[in-house]
N, C-alpha and C. Protein backbone atom coordinates (compact mmCIF):
# COMPACT_ATOMS: atom_id res chain seq x y z
N MET A 1 0.82 -1.20 -0.04
CA MET A 1 -0.01 0.09 -0.06
C MET A 1 0.89 1.22 0.01
N ILE A 2 0.60 2.18 -0.83
CA ILE A 2 1.37 3.41 -0.93
C ILE A 2 1.12 4.20 0.24
N GLY A 3 2.15 4.80 0.87
CA GLY A 3 2.09 5.59 1.90
C GLY A 3 1.92 4.93 3.28
N HIS A 4 1.95 3.61 3.35
CA HIS A 4 1.94 2.96 4.64
C HIS A 4 3.34 2.19 4.96
N GLU A 5 3.61 2.29 6.06
CA GLU A 5 4.88 1.65 6.52
C GLU A 5 4.63 0.15 6.77
N SER A 6 5.59 -0.59 6.28
CA SER A 6 5.53 -2.05 6.34
C SER A 6 5.68 -2.49 7.75
N LYS A 7 4.79 -3.42 8.26
CA LYS A 7 4.85 -3.87 9.54
C LYS A 7 5.91 -5.03 9.74
N GLN A 8 6.14 -5.75 8.72
CA GLN A 8 7.17 -6.84 8.72
C GLN A 8 7.88 -6.88 7.44
N THR A 9 9.16 -7.30 7.51
CA THR A 9 9.93 -7.45 6.26
C THR A 9 10.54 -8.89 6.42
N GLY A 10 10.75 -9.45 5.28
CA GLY A 10 11.45 -10.75 5.32
C GLY A 10 10.88 -11.61 4.19
N LEU A 11 11.40 -12.79 4.01
CA LEU A 11 10.93 -13.67 3.05
C LEU A 11 9.66 -14.54 3.43
N ALA A 12 8.82 -14.80 2.45
CA ALA A 12 7.57 -15.46 2.72
C ALA A 12 7.60 -16.66 1.73
N SER A 13 7.32 -17.88 2.29
CA SER A 13 7.26 -18.96 1.29
C SER A 13 5.84 -18.90 0.68
N ILE A 14 5.67 -19.69 -0.34
CA ILE A 14 4.39 -19.82 -1.03
C ILE A 14 3.32 -20.30 -0.10
N TYR A 15 3.63 -21.10 0.83
CA TYR A 15 2.66 -21.55 1.93
C TYR A 15 2.21 -20.33 2.79
N ASP A 16 3.18 -19.50 3.16
CA ASP A 16 2.82 -18.31 3.95
C ASP A 16 2.05 -17.43 3.19
N VAL A 17 2.34 -17.11 1.94
CA VAL A 17 1.52 -16.25 1.04
C VAL A 17 0.15 -16.80 1.02
N SER A 18 -0.17 -18.02 0.69
CA SER A 18 -1.35 -18.70 0.60
C SER A 18 -2.21 -18.49 1.89
N ARG A 19 -1.59 -18.75 3.02
CA ARG A 19 -2.21 -18.65 4.33
C ARG A 19 -2.65 -17.20 4.65
N ILE A 20 -1.75 -16.21 4.33
CA ILE A 20 -1.95 -14.88 4.68
C ILE A 20 -3.11 -14.31 3.86
N LEU A 21 -3.05 -14.56 2.54
CA LEU A 21 -4.05 -14.00 1.70
C LEU A 21 -5.42 -14.78 1.89
N GLU A 22 -5.40 -15.95 2.27
CA GLU A 22 -6.68 -16.65 2.65
C GLU A 22 -7.37 -15.92 3.83
N GLU A 23 -6.47 -15.61 4.91
CA GLU A 23 -7.02 -14.91 6.04
C GLU A 23 -7.54 -13.46 5.72
N ARG A 24 -6.82 -12.84 4.81
CA ARG A 24 -7.19 -11.47 4.36
C ARG A 24 -8.55 -11.48 3.61
N LYS A 25 -8.68 -12.52 2.76
CA LYS A 25 -9.89 -12.66 2.01
C LYS A 25 -11.18 -12.86 2.88
N LYS A 26 -10.97 -13.45 4.08
CA LYS A 26 -12.09 -13.54 4.94
C LYS A 26 -12.55 -12.20 5.46
N GLY A 27 -11.61 -11.24 5.73
CA GLY A 27 -12.02 -9.96 6.29
C GLY A 27 -12.42 -8.88 5.31
N LYS A 28 -11.91 -8.98 4.04
CA LYS A 28 -12.27 -8.05 3.14
C LYS A 28 -11.88 -8.48 1.65
N ASP A 29 -12.28 -7.77 0.69
CA ASP A 29 -12.01 -8.13 -0.73
C ASP A 29 -10.59 -7.85 -0.99
N LEU A 30 -9.99 -8.78 -1.68
CA LEU A 30 -8.57 -8.69 -2.15
C LEU A 30 -8.56 -7.77 -3.34
N THR A 31 -7.33 -7.10 -3.42
CA THR A 31 -7.04 -6.33 -4.64
C THR A 31 -6.87 -7.25 -5.79
N TYR A 32 -6.82 -6.76 -6.96
CA TYR A 32 -6.62 -7.65 -8.19
C TYR A 32 -5.32 -8.44 -8.10
N GLU A 33 -4.18 -7.67 -7.67
CA GLU A 33 -2.94 -8.28 -7.52
C GLU A 33 -2.81 -9.40 -6.53
N GLN A 34 -3.56 -9.10 -5.45
CA GLN A 34 -3.67 -10.04 -4.34
C GLN A 34 -4.36 -11.31 -4.77
N GLN A 35 -5.43 -11.11 -5.48
CA GLN A 35 -6.18 -12.30 -6.02
C GLN A 35 -5.39 -13.15 -6.89
N LEU A 36 -4.58 -12.52 -7.76
CA LEU A 36 -3.78 -13.26 -8.65
C LEU A 36 -2.71 -13.95 -7.85
N ALA A 37 -2.09 -13.33 -6.88
CA ALA A 37 -1.09 -14.01 -6.07
C ALA A 37 -1.72 -15.19 -5.36
N LEU A 38 -2.91 -15.13 -4.83
CA LEU A 38 -3.56 -16.16 -4.14
C LEU A 38 -3.88 -17.35 -5.11
N GLU A 39 -4.24 -17.06 -6.26
CA GLU A 39 -4.49 -18.12 -7.33
C GLU A 39 -3.22 -18.87 -7.60
N HIS A 40 -2.18 -18.17 -7.85
CA HIS A 40 -0.88 -18.78 -8.07
C HIS A 40 -0.41 -19.67 -6.96
N ALA A 41 -0.49 -19.06 -5.64
CA ALA A 41 0.05 -19.75 -4.49
C ALA A 41 -0.91 -21.03 -4.18
N SER A 42 -2.10 -20.83 -4.46
CA SER A 42 -3.06 -22.01 -4.22
C SER A 42 -2.78 -23.22 -5.10
N LYS A 43 -2.39 -22.81 -6.39
CA LYS A 43 -2.03 -23.97 -7.31
C LYS A 43 -0.87 -24.77 -6.79
N LEU A 44 0.19 -24.05 -6.31
CA LEU A 44 1.37 -24.66 -5.78
C LEU A 44 1.10 -25.50 -4.54
N VAL A 45 0.28 -24.82 -3.62
CA VAL A 45 -0.01 -25.47 -2.31
C VAL A 45 -0.84 -26.80 -2.58
N LYS A 46 -1.67 -26.75 -3.57
CA LYS A 46 -2.47 -28.00 -3.90
C LYS A 46 -1.63 -29.24 -4.26
N GLU A 47 -0.45 -28.88 -4.75
CA GLU A 47 0.46 -30.01 -5.13
C GLU A 47 1.03 -30.83 -3.88
N GLY A 48 0.59 -30.35 -2.72
CA GLY A 48 0.86 -31.17 -1.49
C GLY A 48 2.33 -31.10 -1.15
N GLU A 49 2.90 -32.35 -0.84
CA GLU A 49 4.22 -32.42 -0.26
C GLU A 49 5.36 -32.19 -1.29
N ARG A 50 5.08 -32.15 -2.63
CA ARG A 50 6.16 -31.96 -3.65
C ARG A 50 6.95 -30.74 -3.43
N PRO A 51 6.26 -29.54 -3.24
CA PRO A 51 7.16 -28.25 -3.07
C PRO A 51 7.94 -28.34 -1.77
N LYS A 52 7.48 -29.07 -0.72
CA LYS A 52 8.22 -29.15 0.56
C LYS A 52 9.36 -30.08 0.31
N LYS A 53 9.23 -31.06 -0.58
CA LYS A 53 10.31 -31.96 -0.72
C LYS A 53 11.42 -31.29 -1.58
N ILE A 54 10.99 -30.53 -2.55
CA ILE A 54 11.83 -29.81 -3.42
C ILE A 54 12.60 -28.76 -2.67
N LYS A 55 11.94 -28.09 -1.75
CA LYS A 55 12.56 -26.99 -0.88
C LYS A 55 13.72 -27.72 0.00
N SER A 56 13.33 -28.83 0.49
CA SER A 56 14.26 -29.58 1.40
C SER A 56 15.49 -29.93 0.58
N GLU A 57 15.33 -30.49 -0.63
CA GLU A 57 16.37 -30.98 -1.39
C GLU A 57 17.34 -29.84 -1.85
N LEU A 58 16.68 -28.66 -2.17
CA LEU A 58 17.50 -27.59 -2.62
C LEU A 58 18.31 -26.98 -1.47
N GLU A 59 17.72 -26.93 -0.26
CA GLU A 59 18.45 -26.50 0.91
C GLU A 59 19.65 -27.46 1.31
N LYS A 60 19.46 -28.80 1.11
CA LYS A 60 20.50 -29.72 1.31
C LYS A 60 21.72 -29.52 0.53
N LEU A 61 21.55 -28.96 -0.68
CA LEU A 61 22.70 -28.72 -1.61
C LEU A 61 23.63 -27.73 -0.94
N GLY A 62 23.16 -26.75 -0.08
CA GLY A 62 23.98 -25.87 0.46
C GLY A 62 24.64 -24.88 -0.31
N ILE A 63 24.14 -24.53 -1.57
CA ILE A 63 24.74 -23.59 -2.42
C ILE A 63 23.88 -22.46 -2.73
N LEU A 64 22.59 -22.42 -2.26
CA LEU A 64 21.67 -21.30 -2.58
C LEU A 64 21.22 -20.68 -1.31
N SER A 65 20.95 -19.39 -1.54
CA SER A 65 20.36 -18.62 -0.37
C SER A 65 18.84 -18.91 -0.20
N GLU A 66 18.33 -18.64 0.94
CA GLU A 66 16.90 -18.95 1.23
C GLU A 66 16.03 -18.15 0.17
N ARG A 67 16.45 -16.92 -0.18
CA ARG A 67 15.70 -16.15 -1.27
C ARG A 67 15.67 -16.92 -2.58
N SER A 68 16.75 -17.44 -2.95
CA SER A 68 16.86 -18.23 -4.21
C SER A 68 16.01 -19.48 -4.20
N VAL A 69 16.02 -20.25 -3.06
CA VAL A 69 15.20 -21.38 -2.90
C VAL A 69 13.74 -21.06 -3.15
N ILE A 70 13.28 -19.99 -2.41
CA ILE A 70 11.86 -19.58 -2.51
C ILE A 70 11.57 -19.19 -3.92
N LYS A 71 12.40 -18.50 -4.61
CA LYS A 71 12.10 -18.03 -5.92
C LYS A 71 12.11 -19.29 -6.83
N LEU A 72 12.92 -20.25 -6.70
CA LEU A 72 12.95 -21.41 -7.38
C LEU A 72 11.65 -22.23 -7.29
N LEU A 73 11.06 -22.18 -6.05
CA LEU A 73 9.77 -22.92 -5.78
C LEU A 73 8.61 -22.22 -6.48
N GLU A 74 8.72 -20.83 -6.55
CA GLU A 74 7.68 -20.09 -7.26
C GLU A 74 7.68 -20.41 -8.77
N ILE A 75 8.84 -20.43 -9.37
CA ILE A 75 9.03 -20.42 -10.82
C ILE A 75 9.18 -21.88 -11.34
N MET A 76 9.77 -22.71 -10.61
CA MET A 76 10.02 -24.09 -10.99
C MET A 76 10.53 -24.21 -12.34
N PRO A 77 11.86 -23.66 -12.61
CA PRO A 77 12.44 -23.59 -13.95
C PRO A 77 12.59 -25.06 -14.55
N LYS A 78 12.36 -25.12 -15.80
CA LYS A 78 12.43 -26.38 -16.50
C LYS A 78 13.65 -26.45 -17.44
N ASN A 79 14.39 -25.30 -17.60
CA ASN A 79 15.52 -25.34 -18.43
C ASN A 79 16.59 -24.46 -17.84
N THR A 80 17.82 -24.65 -18.33
CA THR A 80 18.98 -23.91 -17.73
C THR A 80 18.88 -22.46 -17.90
N VAL A 81 18.38 -21.94 -18.93
CA VAL A 81 18.32 -20.52 -19.27
C VAL A 81 17.55 -19.83 -18.14
N LEU A 82 16.32 -20.37 -17.84
CA LEU A 82 15.43 -19.75 -16.84
C LEU A 82 16.09 -19.95 -15.44
N LEU A 83 16.65 -21.07 -15.22
CA LEU A 83 17.39 -21.31 -13.91
C LEU A 83 18.41 -20.33 -13.64
N LYS A 84 19.25 -20.06 -14.65
CA LYS A 84 20.37 -18.99 -14.52
C LYS A 84 19.79 -17.65 -14.23
N GLN A 85 18.64 -17.32 -14.91
CA GLN A 85 18.02 -16.03 -14.65
C GLN A 85 17.48 -15.94 -13.14
N VAL A 86 17.00 -16.91 -12.67
CA VAL A 86 16.47 -16.96 -11.25
C VAL A 86 17.63 -16.91 -10.28
N ILE A 87 18.65 -17.61 -10.43
CA ILE A 87 19.75 -17.63 -9.40
C ILE A 87 20.86 -16.72 -9.67
N MET A 88 20.79 -15.86 -10.72
CA MET A 88 21.87 -14.90 -10.88
C MET A 88 22.02 -13.88 -9.79
N GLN A 89 20.97 -13.72 -9.03
CA GLN A 89 21.03 -12.79 -7.80
C GLN A 89 21.94 -13.32 -6.72
N GLU A 90 22.42 -14.57 -6.82
CA GLU A 90 23.34 -15.14 -5.89
C GLU A 90 24.72 -14.51 -5.96
N GLY A 91 24.99 -13.83 -7.20
CA GLY A 91 26.30 -13.11 -7.32
C GLY A 91 27.48 -14.07 -7.35
N LYS A 92 27.25 -15.26 -7.79
CA LYS A 92 28.40 -16.23 -7.94
C LYS A 92 28.07 -17.10 -9.21
N VAL A 93 29.17 -17.70 -9.66
CA VAL A 93 29.06 -18.48 -10.89
C VAL A 93 28.94 -19.98 -10.40
N PHE A 94 27.98 -20.62 -10.96
CA PHE A 94 27.64 -21.97 -10.62
C PHE A 94 28.26 -22.88 -11.68
N SER A 95 28.84 -24.06 -11.24
CA SER A 95 29.33 -25.00 -12.30
C SER A 95 28.16 -25.67 -13.02
N GLU A 96 28.48 -26.26 -14.10
CA GLU A 96 27.51 -26.93 -14.86
C GLU A 96 26.84 -28.13 -14.11
N GLU A 97 27.67 -28.71 -13.29
CA GLU A 97 27.30 -29.80 -12.38
C GLU A 97 26.21 -29.32 -11.42
N GLU A 98 26.60 -28.15 -10.68
CA GLU A 98 25.65 -27.59 -9.69
C GLU A 98 24.29 -27.26 -10.38
N LEU A 99 24.40 -26.58 -11.59
CA LEU A 99 23.16 -26.29 -12.36
C LEU A 99 22.36 -27.53 -12.70
N ALA A 100 23.00 -28.56 -13.12
CA ALA A 100 22.28 -29.84 -13.42
C ALA A 100 21.61 -30.39 -12.23
N LYS A 101 22.27 -30.32 -11.05
CA LYS A 101 21.64 -30.82 -9.80
C LYS A 101 20.42 -30.02 -9.43
N ILE A 102 20.56 -28.73 -9.53
CA ILE A 102 19.35 -27.80 -9.18
C ILE A 102 18.20 -28.10 -10.13
N LEU A 103 18.51 -28.15 -11.44
CA LEU A 103 17.50 -28.39 -12.47
C LEU A 103 16.81 -29.73 -12.26
N ALA A 104 17.65 -30.74 -11.90
CA ALA A 104 17.08 -32.11 -11.73
C ALA A 104 16.13 -32.05 -10.59
N ILE A 105 16.37 -31.34 -9.57
CA ILE A 105 15.39 -31.21 -8.36
C ILE A 105 14.19 -30.42 -8.85
N THR A 106 14.30 -29.30 -9.52
CA THR A 106 13.08 -28.52 -9.81
C THR A 106 12.20 -29.22 -10.83
N LYS A 107 12.86 -29.96 -11.72
CA LYS A 107 12.02 -30.65 -12.73
C LYS A 107 11.20 -31.80 -12.11
N GLY A 108 11.82 -32.36 -11.01
CA GLY A 108 11.07 -33.41 -10.23
C GLY A 108 11.16 -34.71 -11.02
């Protein structure tokens, strides 16, 4: 919201986003952007345990920040080009082997 101070800052997983928006929806109508975010989050949450498993596997690699893991869960890249775009915020160069491992996990 423009002109309002943020109460919290930090990273939110897709599960957090879904839960927060569902709670807000009970109290008032969501904005267009919030509704789109809720629809996207709901699709991923409906997949059940798969995103949790993917998150766990990505964290076990120990080469990605929490921010990148969350972003990978949102986008679920299926090719190396998209994967590189998502993780370039890490500020380091990944080997082809590391990229292949990450891609294998996100492809499931």
